Amino acid sequence: MKNFLSIFNSLIMEDYPNEEHVVKILSTENVTHNVKRFKLSKPASYHFTPGQATDIVINLPKWKNERRPFTFTSLNDWDTLEFTIKIYNDHEGVTNQLGKLHAEDELILHDIWGAIQYKGEGVFIAGGAGITPFIAILRQLQKDGKLGGNKLIFSNSNVKDIILKDEFDKMLGNHFINTITREKTAQYENRKIDESYLKEKINNVSQYFYICGPDAMVESVSKDLKKLGVHESKIVIEQF
């Protein structure tokens, strides 16, 4: 596996030069109890496709060798960049340190890469922080007046974990479907996204299905969709 990753990384570096952009944090704010929105300065002529990501480094000596991938949640025509990041405070990692940063602190952005590309109308299926690639995609569709019949199925452990709940409610209305897996609540269904759940929610297997979340969830939902008759070409997951 290590050899494969080394070859893969070297190929990536050949195709995409190792760009570096030092940017300032303009502001931070809590989106949920453990998710923060980071508003950053934007480099000149900076361009990305909704759903793409970049590697971020905290511009402090201790953290210079710690690169982590995060998805853009802003749009290209914004004057600033935005990232919506889940903060893990249970260990001294990168997100824990990100959560301690403030306006005027600096980050380093590296190459823009992969992630999920919008191909056409369908169902977005997200688990927890896996929602982040879909934020910019859905915001762009709304801006362009092309939300159409797109739906979002969002699975979280607890109600307090739902990221951008009010925005998605306003954007998608009854096409925003929530299910909660650990907390018992009358507000939403308390179910796992499995074959029986998908069978109830899906009435068109020929549309696109976009999946992002923990690896185990992406794998199981992909398998369940195929069992329901969805062709592999209609299942869109993160591409690296």
C-alpha atoms as a PDB file:
ATOM      1  CA  MET A   1       0.000   0.000   0.000  1.00  0.00           C
ATOM      2  CA  LYS A   2       2.830   2.400   0.885  1.00  0.00           C
ATOM      3  CA  ASN A   3       4.508   1.776  -2.478  1.00  0.00           C
ATOM      4  CA  PHE A   4       1.235   2.408  -4.301  1.00  0.00           C
ATOM      5  CA  LEU A   5       0.671   5.650  -2.407  1.00  0.00           C
ATOM      6  CA  SER A   6       4.210   6.808  -3.137  1.00  0.00           C
ATOM      7  CA  ILE A   7       3.764   6.175  -6.859  1.00  0.00           C
ATOM      8  CA  PHE A   8       0.331   7.825  -6.810  1.00  0.00           C
ATOM      9  CA  ASN A   9       1.630  10.916  -5.018  1.00  0.00           C
ATOM     10  CA  SER A  10       4.597  11.236  -7.392  1.00  0.00           C
ATOM     11  CA  LEU A  11       2.284  11.082 -10.401  1.00  0.00           C
ATOM     12  CA  ILE A  12       0.052  13.723  -8.890  1.00  0.00           C
ATOM     13  CA  MET A  13       3.036  15.979  -8.252  1.00  0.00           C
ATOM     14  CA  GLU A  14       4.176  15.588 -11.880  1.00  0.00           C
ATOM     15  CA  ASP A  15       0.790  16.630 -13.229  1.00  0.00           C
ATOM     16  CA  TYR A  16       0.103  19.377 -10.718  1.00  0.00           C
ATOM     17  CA  PRO A  17       2.887  21.648  -9.466  1.00  0.00           C
ATOM     18  CA  ASN A  18       3.045  22.089  -5.707  1.00  0.00           C
ATOM     19  CA  GLU A  19       1.327  25.433  -5.398  1.00  0.00           C
ATOM     20  CA  GLU A  20       1.399  27.356  -2.157  1.00  0.00           C
ATOM     21  CA  HIS A  21      -0.805  30.302  -1.240  1.00  0.00           C
ATOM     22  CA  VAL A  22      -0.441  31.941   2.160  1.00  0.00           C
ATOM     23  CA  VAL A  23      -3.842  33.299   3.203  1.00  0.00           C
ATOM     24  CA  LYS A  24      -5.146  35.063   6.297  1.00  0.00           C
ATOM     25  CA  ILE A  25      -8.086  34.009   8.392  1.00  0.00           C
ATOM     26  CA  LEU A  26     -10.577  36.868   8.236  1.00  0.00           C
ATOM     27  CA  SER A  27     -13.094  35.395  10.677  1.00  0.00           C
ATOM     28  CA  THR A  28     -14.243  32.178  12.336  1.00  0.00           C
ATOM     29  CA  GLU A  29     -17.636  31.230  13.726  1.00  0.00           C
ATOM     30  CA  ASN A  30     -19.405  28.150  15.000  1.00  0.00           C
ATOM     31  CA  VAL A  31     -21.863  26.442  12.676  1.00  0.00           C
ATOM     32  CA  THR A  32     -22.687  23.660  15.134  1.00  0.00           C
ATOM     33  CA  HIS A  33     -21.257  22.643  18.517  1.00  0.00           C
ATOM     34  CA  ASN A  34     -18.217  21.090  16.803  1.00  0.00           C
ATOM     35  CA  VAL A  35     -18.118  22.609  13.303  1.00  0.00           C
ATOM     36  CA  LYS A  36     -16.564  25.979  12.465  1.00  0.00           C
ATOM     37  CA  ARG A  37     -16.787  28.222   9.414  1.00  0.00           C
ATOM     38  CA  PHE A  38     -13.479  29.773   8.346  1.00  0.00           C
ATOM     39  CA  LYS A  39     -13.555  32.858   6.146  1.00  0.00           C
ATOM     40  CA  LEU A  40     -10.186  33.387   4.421  1.00  0.00           C
ATOM     41  CA  SER A  41      -8.549  35.909   2.139  1.00  0.00           C
ATOM     42  CA  LYS A  42      -8.620  34.816  -1.507  1.00  0.00           C
ATOM     43  CA  PRO A  43      -5.514  34.709  -3.731  1.00  0.00           C
ATOM     44  CA  ALA A  44      -5.700  36.587  -7.040  1.00  0.00           C
ATOM     45  CA  SER A  45      -7.046  34.570  -9.996  1.00  0.00           C
ATOM     46  CA  TYR A  46      -7.891  31.654  -7.710  1.00  0.00           C
ATOM     47  CA  HIS A  47     -10.366  29.216  -9.262  1.00  0.00           C
ATOM     48  CA  PHE A  48     -11.950  25.913  -8.258  1.00  0.00           C
ATOM     49  CA  THR A  49     -14.983  23.838  -9.173  1.00  0.00           C
ATOM     50  CA  PRO A  50     -17.723  23.360  -6.546  1.00  0.00           C
ATOM     51  CA  GLY A  51     -17.040  20.021  -4.879  1.00  0.00           C
ATOM     52  CA  GLN A  52     -13.257  20.324  -5.115  1.00  0.00           C
ATOM     53  CA  ALA A  53     -10.821  20.433  -2.216  1.00  0.00           C
ATOM     54  CA  THR A  54      -7.321  21.555  -1.309  1.00  0.00           C
ATOM     55  CA  ASP A  55      -4.682  20.572   1.232  1.00  0.00           C
ATOM     56  CA  ILE A  56      -4.346  23.071   4.068  1.00  0.00           C
ATOM     57  CA  VAL A  57      -1.383  23.665   6.360  1.00  0.00           C
ATOM     58  CA  ILE A  58      -1.384  25.823   9.491  1.00  0.00           C
ATOM     59  CA  ASN A  59       1.359  28.411   9.024  1.00  0.00           C
ATOM     60  CA  LEU A  60       3.122  27.746  12.313  1.00  0.00           C
ATOM     61  CA  PRO A  61       6.503  25.968  12.691  1.00  0.00           C
ATOM     62  CA  LYS A  62       5.076  23.023  14.624  1.00  0.00           C
ATOM     63  CA  TRP A  63       2.411  22.328  11.984  1.00  0.00           C
ATOM     64  CA  LYS A  64       4.289  23.037   8.720  1.00  0.00           C
ATOM     65  CA  ASN A  65       4.482  19.339   7.746  1.00  0.00           C
ATOM     66  CA  GLU A  66       0.868  18.502   8.595  1.00  0.00           C
ATOM     67  CA  ARG A  67      -1.265  18.754   5.441  1.00  0.00           C
ATOM     68  CA  ARG A  68      -4.975  17.941   5.607  1.00  0.00           C
ATOM     69  CA  PRO A  69      -7.610  17.964   2.843  1.00  0.00           C
ATOM     70  CA  PHE A  70     -10.650  20.245   3.160  1.00  0.00           C
ATOM     71  CA  THR A  71     -13.421  21.050   0.711  1.00  0.00           C
ATOM     72  CA  PHE A  72     -14.265  24.567  -0.416  1.00  0.00           C
ATOM     73  CA  THR A  73     -17.739  25.612   0.723  1.00  0.00           C
ATOM     74  CA  SER A  74     -17.579  29.047  -0.916  1.00  0.00           C
ATOM     75  CA  LEU A  75     -18.345  29.855  -4.553  1.00  0.00           C
ATOM     76  CA  ASN A  76     -15.894  31.141  -7.155  1.00  0.00           C
ATOM     77  CA  ASP A  77     -17.501  34.558  -7.476  1.00  0.00           C
ATOM     78  CA  TRP A  78     -17.147  35.277  -3.758  1.00  0.00           C
ATOM     79  CA  ASP A  79     -14.425  37.710  -2.751  1.00  0.00           C
ATOM     80  CA  THR A  80     -13.316  35.375   0.036  1.00  0.00           C
ATOM     81  CA  LEU A  81     -12.770  31.649   0.540  1.00  0.00           C
ATOM     82  CA  GLU A  82     -14.791  29.590   2.983  1.00  0.00           C
ATOM     83  CA  PHE A  83     -14.187  26.214   4.601  1.00  0.00           C
ATOM     84  CA  THR A  84     -16.648  24.481   6.932  1.00  0.00           C
ATOM     85  CA  ILE A  85     -14.606  22.169   9.157  1.00  0.00           C
ATOM     86  CA  LYS A  86     -15.475  19.682  11.861  1.00  0.00           C
ATOM     87  CA  ILE A  87     -13.242  20.227  14.886  1.00  0.00           C
ATOM     88  CA  TYR A  88     -12.049  17.125  16.747  1.00  0.00           C
ATOM     89  CA  ASN A  89     -11.126  18.185  20.266  1.00  0.00           C
ATOM     90  CA  ASP A  90     -10.522  14.672  21.594  1.00  0.00           C
ATOM     91  CA  HIS A  91      -6.899  14.667  20.408  1.00  0.00           C
ATOM     92  CA  GLU A  92      -4.153  17.181  19.597  1.00  0.00           C
ATOM     93  CA  GLY A  93      -4.529  17.047  15.838  1.00  0.00           C
ATOM     94  CA  VAL A  94      -4.807  19.565  13.009  1.00  0.00           C
ATOM     95  CA  THR A  95      -8.501  20.322  13.417  1.00  0.00           C
ATOM     96  CA  ASN A  96      -8.045  20.802  17.154  1.00  0.00           C
ATOM     97  CA  GLN A  97      -5.396  23.415  16.381  1.00  0.00           C
ATOM     98  CA  LEU A  98      -7.556  24.981  13.655  1.00  0.00           C
ATOM     99  CA  GLY A  99     -10.272  25.433  16.237  1.00  0.00           C
ATOM    100  CA  LYS A 100      -7.891  27.566  18.306  1.00  0.00           C
ATOM    101  CA  LEU A 101      -7.030  29.962  15.463  1.00  0.00           C
ATOM    102  CA  HIS A 102      -8.441  33.458  15.077  1.00  0.00           C
ATOM    103  CA  ALA A 103      -8.587  36.341  12.599  1.00  0.00           C
ATOM    104  CA  GLU A 104      -5.142  37.361  11.287  1.00  0.00           C
ATOM    105  CA  ASP A 105      -3.673  33.873  11.762  1.00  0.00           C
ATOM    106  CA  GLU A 106      -2.343  32.335   8.537  1.00  0.00           C
ATOM    107  CA  LEU A 107      -2.941  29.134   6.602  1.00  0.00           C
ATOM    108  CA  ILE A 108      -1.184  27.733   3.536  1.00  0.00           C
ATOM    109  CA  LEU A 109      -3.306  26.377   0.672  1.00  0.00           C
ATOM    110  CA  HIS A 110      -1.789  23.802  -1.669  1.00  0.00           C
ATOM    111  CA  ASP A 111      -3.015  22.290  -4.946  1.00  0.00           C
ATOM    112  CA  ILE A 112      -6.710  22.125  -5.824  1.00  0.00           C
ATOM    113  CA  TRP A 113      -7.835  18.593  -6.538  1.00  0.00           C
ATOM    114  CA  GLY A 114     -10.548  16.067  -7.292  1.00  0.00           C
ATOM    115  CA  ALA A 115     -13.462  15.453  -4.969  1.00  0.00           C
ATOM    116  CA  ILE A 116     -17.037  15.224  -6.306  1.00  0.00           C
ATOM    117  CA  GLN A 117     -18.211  16.737  -9.588  1.00  0.00           C
ATOM    118  CA  TYR A 118     -21.852  17.510 -10.356  1.00  0.00           C
ATOM    119  CA  LYS A 119     -23.068  15.544 -13.374  1.00  0.00           C
ATOM    120  CA  GLY A 120     -26.803  16.052 -13.327  1.00  0.00           C
ATOM    121  CA  GLU A 121     -29.950  16.046 -11.234  1.00  0.00           C
ATOM    122  CA  GLY A 122     -30.210  13.423  -8.536  1.00  0.00           C
ATOM    123  CA  VAL A 123     -29.979  12.538  -4.864  1.00  0.00           C
ATOM    124  CA  PHE A 124     -27.177  13.710  -2.584  1.00  0.00           C
ATOM    125  CA  ILE A 125     -26.529  11.326   0.308  1.00  0.00           C
ATOM    126  CA  ALA A 126     -24.278  12.626   3.092  1.00  0.00           C
ATOM    127  CA  GLY A 127     -23.096  11.353   6.443  1.00  0.00           C
ATOM    128  CA  GLY A 128     -21.976  13.952   9.002  1.00  0.00           C
ATOM    129  CA  ALA A 129     -19.076  16.102   7.805  1.00  0.00           C
ATOM    130  CA  GLY A 130     -19.377  14.352   4.437  1.00  0.00           C
ATOM    131  CA  ILE A 131     -21.851  17.096   3.590  1.00  0.00           C
ATOM    132  CA  THR A 132     -19.037  19.565   2.855  1.00  0.00           C
ATOM    133  CA  PRO A 133     -18.502  18.805  -0.878  1.00  0.00           C
ATOM    134  CA  PHE A 134     -22.239  19.199  -1.412  1.00  0.00           C
ATOM    135  CA  ILE A 135     -22.445  22.658   0.189  1.00  0.00           C
ATOM    136  CA  ALA A 136     -20.759  24.523  -2.675  1.00  0.00           C
ATOM    137  CA  ILE A 137     -22.427  22.333  -5.328  1.00  0.00           C
ATOM    138  CA  LEU A 138     -25.919  23.023  -3.992  1.00  0.00           C
ATOM    139  CA  ARG A 139     -25.180  26.702  -3.412  1.00  0.00           C
ATOM    140  CA  GLN A 140     -24.010  27.022  -7.027  1.00  0.00           C
ATOM    141  CA  LEU A 141     -27.105  25.230  -8.335  1.00  0.00           C
ATOM    142  CA  GLN A 142     -29.302  27.555  -6.286  1.00  0.00           C
ATOM    143  CA  LYS A 143     -27.441  30.627  -7.579  1.00  0.00           C
ATOM    144  CA  ASP A 144     -27.843  29.411 -11.166  1.00  0.00           C
ATOM    145  CA  GLY A 145     -31.543  28.590 -10.675  1.00  0.00           C
ATOM    146  CA  LYS A 146     -30.853  24.921 -11.382  1.00  0.00           C
ATOM    147  CA  LEU A 147     -31.739  23.165  -8.123  1.00  0.00           C
ATOM    148  CA  GLY A 148     -34.592  21.447  -9.913  1.00  0.00           C
ATOM    149  CA  GLY A 149     -35.573  18.165  -8.295  1.00  0.00           C
ATOM    150  CA  ASN A 150     -32.266  17.562  -6.538  1.00  0.00           C
ATOM    151  CA  LYS A 151     -32.693  16.033  -3.087  1.00  0.00           C
ATOM    152  CA  LEU A 152     -30.432  15.830  -0.057  1.00  0.00           C
ATOM    153  CA  ILE A 153     -30.572  12.910   2.377  1.00  0.00           C
ATOM    154  CA  PHE A 154     -28.486  13.766   5.429  1.00  0.00           C
ATOM    155  CA  SER A 155     -27.587  11.291   8.175  1.00  0.00           C
ATOM    156  CA  ASN A 156     -26.273  12.448  11.564  1.00  0.00           C
ATOM    157  CA  SER A 157     -25.861  10.955  15.007  1.00  0.00           C
ATOM    158  CA  ASN A 158     -27.809  13.718  16.787  1.00  0.00           C
ATOM    159  CA  VAL A 159     -29.985  16.670  15.801  1.00  0.00           C
ATOM    160  CA  LYS A 160     -27.352  19.123  17.076  1.00  0.00           C
ATOM    161  CA  ASP A 161     -24.902  17.688  14.510  1.00  0.00           C
ATOM    162  CA  ILE A 162     -26.897  18.851  11.453  1.00  0.00           C
ATOM    163  CA  ILE A 163     -24.663  21.268   9.538  1.00  0.00           C
ATOM    164  CA  LEU A 164     -26.365  24.323   7.920  1.00  0.00           C
ATOM    165  CA  LYS A 165     -29.815  23.003   8.777  1.00  0.00           C
ATOM    166  CA  ASP A 166     -31.569  26.347   8.301  1.00  0.00           C
ATOM    167  CA  GLU A 167     -29.866  27.036   4.975  1.00  0.00           C
ATOM    168  CA  PHE A 168     -30.756  23.622   3.559  1.00  0.00           C
ATOM    169  CA  ASP A 169     -34.328  23.902   4.854  1.00  0.00           C
ATOM    170  CA  LYS A 170     -34.723  27.199   3.012  1.00  0.00           C
ATOM    171  CA  MET A 171     -32.896  26.007  -0.087  1.00  0.00           C
ATOM    172  CA  LEU A 172     -34.495  22.578  -0.554  1.00  0.00           C
ATOM    173  CA  GLY A 173     -37.728  22.544   1.452  1.00  0.00           C
ATOM    174  CA  ASN A 174     -39.176  19.033   1.556  1.00  0.00           C
ATOM    175  CA  HIS A 175     -36.307  17.836  -0.643  1.00  0.00           C
ATOM    176  CA  PHE A 176     -34.089  18.091   2.456  1.00  0.00           C
ATOM    177  CA  ILE A 177     -34.475  14.773   4.293  1.00  0.00           C
ATOM    178  CA  ASN A 178     -32.824  14.114   7.657  1.00  0.00           C
ATOM    179  CA  THR A 179     -32.354  10.878   9.535  1.00  0.00           C
ATOM    180  CA  ILE A 180     -30.833  10.614  13.012  1.00  0.00           C
ATOM    181  CA  THR A 181     -29.077   7.395  14.029  1.00  0.00           C
ATOM    182  CA  ARG A 182     -28.382   7.710  17.779  1.00  0.00           C
ATOM    183  CA  GLU A 183     -30.751  10.263  19.294  1.00  0.00           C
ATOM    184  CA  LYS A 184     -34.438   9.410  19.554  1.00  0.00           C
ATOM    185  CA  THR A 185     -36.437  12.376  18.288  1.00  0.00           C
ATOM    186  CA  ALA A 186     -39.927  12.916  16.933  1.00  0.00           C
ATOM    187  CA  GLN A 187     -38.590  15.637  14.635  1.00  0.00           C
ATOM    188  CA  TYR A 188     -36.858  13.262  12.221  1.00  0.00           C
ATOM    189  CA  GLU A 189     -36.716   9.585  11.367  1.00  0.00           C
ATOM    190  CA  ASN A 190     -34.332   7.561  13.519  1.00  0.00           C
ATOM    191  CA  ARG A 191     -32.922   5.194  10.926  1.00  0.00           C
ATOM    192  CA  LYS A 192     -29.724   4.139   9.210  1.00  0.00           C
ATOM    193  CA  ILE A 193     -29.419   4.699   5.470  1.00  0.00           C
ATOM    194  CA  ASP A 194     -29.643   1.111   4.265  1.00  0.00           C
ATOM    195  CA  GLU A 195     -31.329  -0.763   1.433  1.00  0.00           C
ATOM    196  CA  SER A 196     -34.826  -0.642   2.948  1.00  0.00           C
ATOM    197  CA  TYR A 197     -34.524   3.070   3.748  1.00  0.00           C
ATOM    198  CA  LEU A 198     -33.310   3.900   0.233  1.00  0.00           C
ATOM    199  CA  LYS A 199     -36.070   1.812  -1.313  1.00  0.00           C
ATOM    200  CA  GLU A 200     -38.637   3.986   0.484  1.00  0.00           C
ATOM    201  CA  LYS A 201     -37.010   7.279  -0.477  1.00  0.00           C
ATOM    202  CA  ILE A 202     -36.078   6.616  -4.105  1.00  0.00           C
ATOM    203  CA  ASN A 203     -38.549   6.422  -6.965  1.00  0.00           C
ATOM    204  CA  ASN A 204     -36.130   6.845  -9.878  1.00  0.00           C
ATOM    205  CA  VAL A 205     -33.058   4.609 -10.152  1.00  0.00           C
ATOM    206  CA  SER A 206     -31.875   6.239 -13.385  1.00  0.00           C
ATOM    207  CA  GLN A 207     -30.906   9.558 -11.774  1.00  0.00           C
ATOM    208  CA  TYR A 208     -27.497  10.364 -10.288  1.00  0.00           C
ATOM    209  CA  PHE A 209     -26.599   9.493  -6.697  1.00  0.00           C
ATOM    210  CA  TYR A 210     -23.858  11.490  -4.969  1.00  0.00           C
ATOM    211  CA  ILE A 211     -22.447   9.901  -1.811  1.00  0.00           C
ATOM    212  CA  CYS A 212     -20.010  11.336   0.714  1.00  0.00           C
ATOM    213  CA  GLY A 213     -19.305  10.374   4.316  1.00  0.00           C
ATOM    214  CA  PRO A 214     -17.293   7.806   6.272  1.00  0.00           C
ATOM    215  CA  ASP A 215     -15.716   5.160   4.002  1.00  0.00           C
ATOM    216  CA  ALA A 216     -17.866   2.353   5.417  1.00  0.00           C
ATOM    217  CA  MET A 217     -21.026   4.354   4.749  1.00  0.00           C
ATOM    218  CA  VAL A 218     -20.023   5.198   1.172  1.00  0.00           C
ATOM    219  CA  GLU A 219     -19.260   1.558   0.466  1.00  0.00           C
ATOM    220  CA  SER A 220     -22.481   0.199   1.985  1.00  0.00           C
ATOM    221  CA  VAL A 221     -24.760   2.816   0.396  1.00  0.00           C
ATOM    222  CA  SER A 222     -23.141   2.220  -3.007  1.00  0.00           C
ATOM    223  CA  LYS A 223     -23.778  -1.528  -2.684  1.00  0.00           C
ATOM    224  CA  ASP A 224     -27.380  -0.965  -1.572  1.00  0.00           C
ATOM    225  CA  LEU A 225     -28.062   1.366  -4.503  1.00  0.00           C
ATOM    226  CA  LYS A 226     -26.734  -1.241  -6.934  1.00  0.00           C
ATOM    227  CA  LYS A 227     -29.019  -3.851  -5.369  1.00  0.00           C
ATOM    228  CA  LEU A 228     -31.925  -1.501  -6.072  1.00  0.00           C
ATOM    229  CA  GLY A 229     -30.959  -1.314  -9.746  1.00  0.00           C
ATOM    230  CA  VAL A 230     -28.822   1.825  -9.890  1.00  0.00           C
ATOM    231  CA  HIS A 231     -26.110   1.523 -12.544  1.00  0.00           C
ATOM    232  CA  GLU A 232     -22.549   2.032 -11.337  1.00  0.00           C
ATOM    233  CA  SER A 233     -22.112   4.954 -13.763  1.00  0.00           C
ATOM    234  CA  LYS A 234     -24.833   6.840 -11.893  1.00  0.00           C
ATOM    235  CA  ILE A 235     -23.097   6.598  -8.516  1.00  0.00           C
ATOM    236  CA  VAL A 236     -20.730   9.521  -7.898  1.00  0.00           C
ATOM    237  CA  ILE A 237     -18.220   9.387  -5.044  1.00  0.00           C
ATOM    238  CA  GLU A 238     -15.030  11.282  -4.225  1.00  0.00           C
ATOM    239  CA  GLN A 239     -12.317  11.017  -6.868  1.00  0.00           C
ATOM    240  CA  PHE A 240      -8.684  11.619  -5.951  1.00  0.00           C
END
